[in-house]
Amino acid sequence: MTWLSKSITSLGFLFLAHACYSAHEHSALHSTSTATLSSLTSHGPAASAVASLPIDISIETVVAIFTICLALVLGTPELRPIQWRVWAGKIEREGEKGFMNGDGEVEKDYVGNPFKVLESRPGFVDIRKQRKEFAEWVREGGDLATAPKS
């Protein structure tokens, strides 16, 4: 995450904490006022009116959640290609510079050239060539000292 997305996320969490505190205070004040009303009436408990949350607290909550979501989306790293050949091509072209995160550090799963193993392996065995050498060896007498090397 970059410093911008971290700061926007922090601001969103601050708004969300304030909205939660305001909602708690509103419910506490509403329960206190309802208890006072019921004690003042002599005809039993007062009809409980359902008090909804004020619109400013609801708007603050929605804005805080939207701000947090936006900041988290802005802070996500770039998606990697799904195809192996595209990803490996990017590694060969860009090297470590292509895998820097927002803080300027190389990502921990960067392994370098993924084709290094394929480029350093021995070549394929040519069976036809070996069969031809063996047939010539047998025609010449098949001496073990002059056997063809595989």
C-alpha atoms as a PDB file:
ATOM      1  CA  MET A   1       0.000   0.000   0.000  1.00  0.00           C
ATOM      2  CA  THR A   2       1.189   3.467  -0.765  1.00  0.00           C
ATOM      3  CA  TRP A   3       1.137   6.268   1.752  1.00  0.00           C
ATOM      4  CA  LEU A   4      -1.863   7.832  -0.002  1.00  0.00           C
ATOM      5  CA  SER A   5      -4.037   4.743   0.262  1.00  0.00           C
ATOM      6  CA  LYS A   6      -2.938   4.167   3.860  1.00  0.00           C
ATOM      7  CA  SER A   7      -3.847   7.713   4.841  1.00  0.00           C
ATOM      8  CA  ILE A   8      -7.235   7.552   3.080  1.00  0.00           C
ATOM      9  CA  THR A   9      -7.951   4.217   4.783  1.00  0.00           C
ATOM     10  CA  SER A  10      -7.051   5.713   8.163  1.00  0.00           C
ATOM     11  CA  LEU A  11      -9.327   8.677   7.513  1.00  0.00           C
ATOM     12  CA  GLY A  12     -12.154   6.312   6.547  1.00  0.00           C
ATOM     13  CA  PHE A  13     -11.676   4.292   9.734  1.00  0.00           C
ATOM     14  CA  LEU A  14     -11.724   7.524  11.737  1.00  0.00           C
ATOM     15  CA  PHE A  15     -15.054   8.488  10.119  1.00  0.00           C
ATOM     16  CA  LEU A  16     -16.423   5.001  10.757  1.00  0.00           C
ATOM     17  CA  ALA A  17     -15.370   5.097  14.427  1.00  0.00           C
ATOM     18  CA  HIS A  18     -17.051   8.491  14.822  1.00  0.00           C
ATOM     19  CA  ALA A  19     -20.237   7.207  13.188  1.00  0.00           C
ATOM     20  CA  CYS A  20     -20.279   4.166  15.495  1.00  0.00           C
ATOM     21  CA  TYR A  21     -19.745   6.362  18.550  1.00  0.00           C
ATOM     22  CA  SER A  22     -22.510   8.729  17.419  1.00  0.00           C
ATOM     23  CA  ALA A  23     -24.900   5.808  16.861  1.00  0.00           C
ATOM     24  CA  HIS A  24     -24.086   4.468  20.345  1.00  0.00           C
ATOM     25  CA  GLU A  25     -24.664   7.881  21.938  1.00  0.00           C
ATOM     26  CA  HIS A  26     -27.944   8.285  20.066  1.00  0.00           C
ATOM     27  CA  SER A  27     -29.214   4.909  21.252  1.00  0.00           C
ATOM     28  CA  ALA A  28     -28.102   5.643  24.824  1.00  0.00           C
ATOM     29  CA  LEU A  29     -29.844   9.044  24.824  1.00  0.00           C
ATOM     30  CA  HIS A  30     -32.983   7.537  23.287  1.00  0.00           C
ATOM     31  CA  SER A  31     -33.175   4.788  25.917  1.00  0.00           C
ATOM     32  CA  THR A  32     -32.688   7.341  28.698  1.00  0.00           C
ATOM     33  CA  SER A  33     -35.442   9.584  27.364  1.00  0.00           C
ATOM     34  CA  THR A  34     -37.791   6.616  26.928  1.00  0.00           C
ATOM     35  CA  ALA A  35     -37.146   5.484  30.512  1.00  0.00           C
ATOM     36  CA  THR A  36     -37.842   9.011  31.788  1.00  0.00           C
ATOM     37  CA  LEU A  37     -41.095   9.181  29.818  1.00  0.00           C
ATOM     38  CA  SER A  38     -42.318   5.832  31.124  1.00  0.00           C
ATOM     39  CA  SER A  39     -41.621   6.826  34.735  1.00  0.00           C
ATOM     40  CA  LEU A  40     -43.570  10.069  34.314  1.00  0.00           C
ATOM     41  CA  THR A  41     -46.691   8.394  33.016  1.00  0.00           C
ATOM     42  CA  SER A  42     -48.985   6.832  35.588  1.00  0.00           C
ATOM     43  CA  HIS A  43     -50.809   4.598  33.125  1.00  0.00           C
ATOM     44  CA  GLY A  44     -48.008   2.044  32.759  1.00  0.00           C
ATOM     45  CA  PRO A  45     -45.221   1.859  30.231  1.00  0.00           C
ATOM     46  CA  ALA A  46     -45.307   4.401  27.446  1.00  0.00           C
ATOM     47  CA  ALA A  47     -45.777   3.211  23.919  1.00  0.00           C
ATOM     48  CA  SER A  48     -42.279   2.623  22.672  1.00  0.00           C
ATOM     49  CA  ALA A  49     -41.724   4.657  19.582  1.00  0.00           C
ATOM     50  CA  VAL A  50     -39.159   3.185  17.286  1.00  0.00           C
ATOM     51  CA  ALA A  51     -36.509   5.836  16.950  1.00  0.00           C
ATOM     52  CA  SER A  52     -34.478   5.465  13.828  1.00  0.00           C
ATOM     53  CA  LEU A  53     -30.920   6.595  13.464  1.00  0.00           C
ATOM     54  CA  PRO A  54     -30.583  10.234  12.378  1.00  0.00           C
ATOM     55  CA  ILE A  55     -29.807  10.717   8.690  1.00  0.00           C
ATOM     56  CA  ASP A  56     -26.454  12.432   9.327  1.00  0.00           C
ATOM     57  CA  ILE A  57     -25.125   9.373  11.176  1.00  0.00           C
ATOM     58  CA  SER A  58     -26.336   7.082   8.387  1.00  0.00           C
ATOM     59  CA  ILE A  59     -24.709   9.258   5.719  1.00  0.00           C
ATOM     60  CA  GLU A  60     -21.463   9.407   7.695  1.00  0.00           C
ATOM     61  CA  THR A  61     -21.430   5.608   7.956  1.00  0.00           C
ATOM     62  CA  VAL A  62     -21.998   5.119   4.227  1.00  0.00           C
ATOM     63  CA  VAL A  63     -19.343   7.704   3.323  1.00  0.00           C
ATOM     64  CA  ALA A  64     -16.846   6.089   5.718  1.00  0.00           C
ATOM     65  CA  ILE A  65     -17.400   2.614   4.260  1.00  0.00           C
ATOM     66  CA  PHE A  66     -17.142   3.963   0.707  1.00  0.00           C
ATOM     67  CA  THR A  67     -13.913   5.791   1.600  1.00  0.00           C
ATOM     68  CA  ILE A  68     -12.375   2.662   3.133  1.00  0.00           C
ATOM     69  CA  CYS A  69     -13.326   0.534   0.111  1.00  0.00           C
ATOM     70  CA  LEU A  70     -11.932   3.118  -2.316  1.00  0.00           C
ATOM     71  CA  ALA A  71      -8.642   3.351  -0.411  1.00  0.00           C
ATOM     72  CA  LEU A  72      -8.240  -0.412  -0.277  1.00  0.00           C
ATOM     73  CA  VAL A  73      -8.838  -0.685  -4.015  1.00  0.00           C
ATOM     74  CA  LEU A  74      -6.325   2.088  -4.714  1.00  0.00           C
ATOM     75  CA  GLY A  75      -3.731   0.317  -2.560  1.00  0.00           C
ATOM     76  CA  THR A  76      -3.911  -3.087  -4.238  1.00  0.00           C
ATOM     77  CA  PRO A  77      -0.905  -4.122  -6.324  1.00  0.00           C
ATOM     78  CA  GLU A  78      -1.194  -4.607 -10.071  1.00  0.00           C
ATOM     79  CA  LEU A  79      -2.560  -8.004 -11.022  1.00  0.00           C
ATOM     80  CA  ARG A  80      -0.146 -10.498 -12.522  1.00  0.00           C
ATOM     81  CA  PRO A  81      -0.809 -12.136 -15.869  1.00  0.00           C
ATOM     82  CA  ILE A  82      -2.517 -15.515 -15.718  1.00  0.00           C
ATOM     83  CA  GLN A  83      -0.550 -17.056 -18.566  1.00  0.00           C
ATOM     84  CA  TRP A  84       2.896 -18.358 -17.626  1.00  0.00           C
ATOM     85  CA  ARG A  85       4.582 -17.227 -20.842  1.00  0.00           C
ATOM     86  CA  VAL A  86       3.336 -13.641 -20.426  1.00  0.00           C
ATOM     87  CA  TRP A  87       4.501 -13.514 -16.811  1.00  0.00           C
ATOM     88  CA  ALA A  88       7.891 -15.043 -17.645  1.00  0.00           C
ATOM     89  CA  GLY A  89       8.309 -12.611 -20.539  1.00  0.00           C
ATOM     90  CA  LYS A  90       7.711  -9.722 -18.163  1.00  0.00           C
ATOM     91  CA  ILE A  91      10.387 -11.085 -15.826  1.00  0.00           C
ATOM     92  CA  GLU A  92      12.906 -11.405 -18.671  1.00  0.00           C
ATOM     93  CA  ARG A  93      12.163  -7.920 -20.044  1.00  0.00           C
ATOM     94  CA  GLU A  94      11.882  -5.929 -16.826  1.00  0.00           C
ATOM     95  CA  GLY A  95      13.750  -7.960 -14.206  1.00  0.00           C
ATOM     96  CA  GLU A  96      13.434  -6.834 -10.597  1.00  0.00           C
ATOM     97  CA  LYS A  97      12.184  -3.374 -11.601  1.00  0.00           C
ATOM     98  CA  GLY A  98       8.929  -4.889 -12.860  1.00  0.00           C
ATOM     99  CA  PHE A  99       8.219  -6.473  -9.474  1.00  0.00           C
ATOM    100  CA  MET A 100       8.616  -3.533  -7.117  1.00  0.00           C
ATOM    101  CA  ASN A 101       5.761  -2.934  -4.714  1.00  0.00           C
ATOM    102  CA  GLY A 102       4.457   0.485  -3.679  1.00  0.00           C
ATOM    103  CA  ASP A 103       7.166   0.862  -1.044  1.00  0.00           C
ATOM    104  CA  GLY A 104      10.008   0.360  -3.547  1.00  0.00           C
ATOM    105  CA  GLU A 105      10.934  -3.153  -2.383  1.00  0.00           C
ATOM    106  CA  VAL A 106      11.122  -6.265  -4.558  1.00  0.00           C
ATOM    107  CA  GLU A 107       8.195  -8.597  -3.937  1.00  0.00           C
ATOM    108  CA  LYS A 108       9.008 -11.649  -1.820  1.00  0.00           C
ATOM    109  CA  ASP A 109       7.858 -14.178  -4.429  1.00  0.00           C
ATOM    110  CA  TYR A 110      10.141 -12.850  -7.189  1.00  0.00           C
ATOM    111  CA  VAL A 111      12.368 -15.763  -8.263  1.00  0.00           C
ATOM    112  CA  GLY A 112      14.160 -14.403 -11.285  1.00  0.00           C
ATOM    113  CA  ASN A 113      14.192 -16.078 -14.693  1.00  0.00           C
ATOM    114  CA  PRO A 114      11.669 -18.947 -14.567  1.00  0.00           C
ATOM    115  CA  PHE A 115      13.158 -20.499 -17.719  1.00  0.00           C
ATOM    116  CA  LYS A 116      16.638 -20.872 -16.186  1.00  0.00           C
ATOM    117  CA  VAL A 117      15.978 -24.543 -15.392  1.00  0.00           C
ATOM    118  CA  LEU A 118      14.834 -25.214 -18.947  1.00  0.00           C
ATOM    119  CA  GLU A 119      17.829 -23.430 -20.465  1.00  0.00           C
ATOM    120  CA  SER A 120      20.377 -25.296 -18.335  1.00  0.00           C
ATOM    121  CA  ARG A 121      19.072 -28.846 -18.717  1.00  0.00           C
ATOM    122  CA  PRO A 122      20.813 -31.361 -20.973  1.00  0.00           C
ATOM    123  CA  GLY A 123      19.579 -31.816 -24.522  1.00  0.00           C
ATOM    124  CA  PHE A 124      17.139 -34.493 -25.591  1.00  0.00           C
ATOM    125  CA  VAL A 125      18.365 -37.997 -26.380  1.00  0.00           C
ATOM    126  CA  ASP A 126      18.464 -38.803 -30.098  1.00  0.00           C
ATOM    127  CA  ILE A 127      17.322 -42.417 -30.190  1.00  0.00           C
ATOM    128  CA  ARG A 128      17.712 -42.791 -33.975  1.00  0.00           C
ATOM    129  CA  LYS A 129      21.306 -41.629 -33.828  1.00  0.00           C
ATOM    130  CA  GLN A 130      22.087 -44.057 -31.003  1.00  0.00           C
ATOM    131  CA  ARG A 131      20.380 -46.931 -32.870  1.00  0.00           C
ATOM    132  CA  LYS A 132      22.449 -46.160 -35.987  1.00  0.00           C
ATOM    133  CA  GLU A 133      25.699 -46.107 -33.971  1.00  0.00           C
ATOM    134  CA  PHE A 134      24.773 -49.393 -32.317  1.00  0.00           C
ATOM    135  CA  ALA A 135      24.009 -51.043 -35.671  1.00  0.00           C
ATOM    136  CA  GLU A 136      27.401 -49.917 -37.040  1.00  0.00           C
ATOM    137  CA  TRP A 137      29.118 -51.226 -33.917  1.00  0.00           C
ATOM    138  CA  VAL A 138      27.458 -54.635 -34.314  1.00  0.00           C
ATOM    139  CA  ARG A 139      28.487 -54.810 -38.031  1.00  0.00           C
ATOM    140  CA  GLU A 140      32.080 -54.044 -37.123  1.00  0.00           C
ATOM    141  CA  GLY A 141      32.281 -56.975 -34.744  1.00  0.00           C
ATOM    142  CA  GLY A 142      30.752 -55.738 -31.484  1.00  0.00           C
ATOM    143  CA  ASP A 143      33.959 -55.475 -29.424  1.00  0.00           C
ATOM    144  CA  LEU A 144      33.219 -54.193 -25.906  1.00  0.00           C
ATOM    145  CA  ALA A 145      36.296 -51.965 -25.919  1.00  0.00           C
ATOM    146  CA  THR A 146      34.927 -49.993 -28.886  1.00  0.00           C
ATOM    147  CA  ALA A 147      31.264 -49.909 -27.782  1.00  0.00           C
ATOM    148  CA  PRO A 148      29.485 -46.622 -28.616  1.00  0.00           C
ATOM    149  CA  LYS A 149      29.052 -44.236 -25.681  1.00  0.00           C
ATOM    150  CA  SER A 150      25.534 -43.062 -24.927  1.00  0.00           C
END
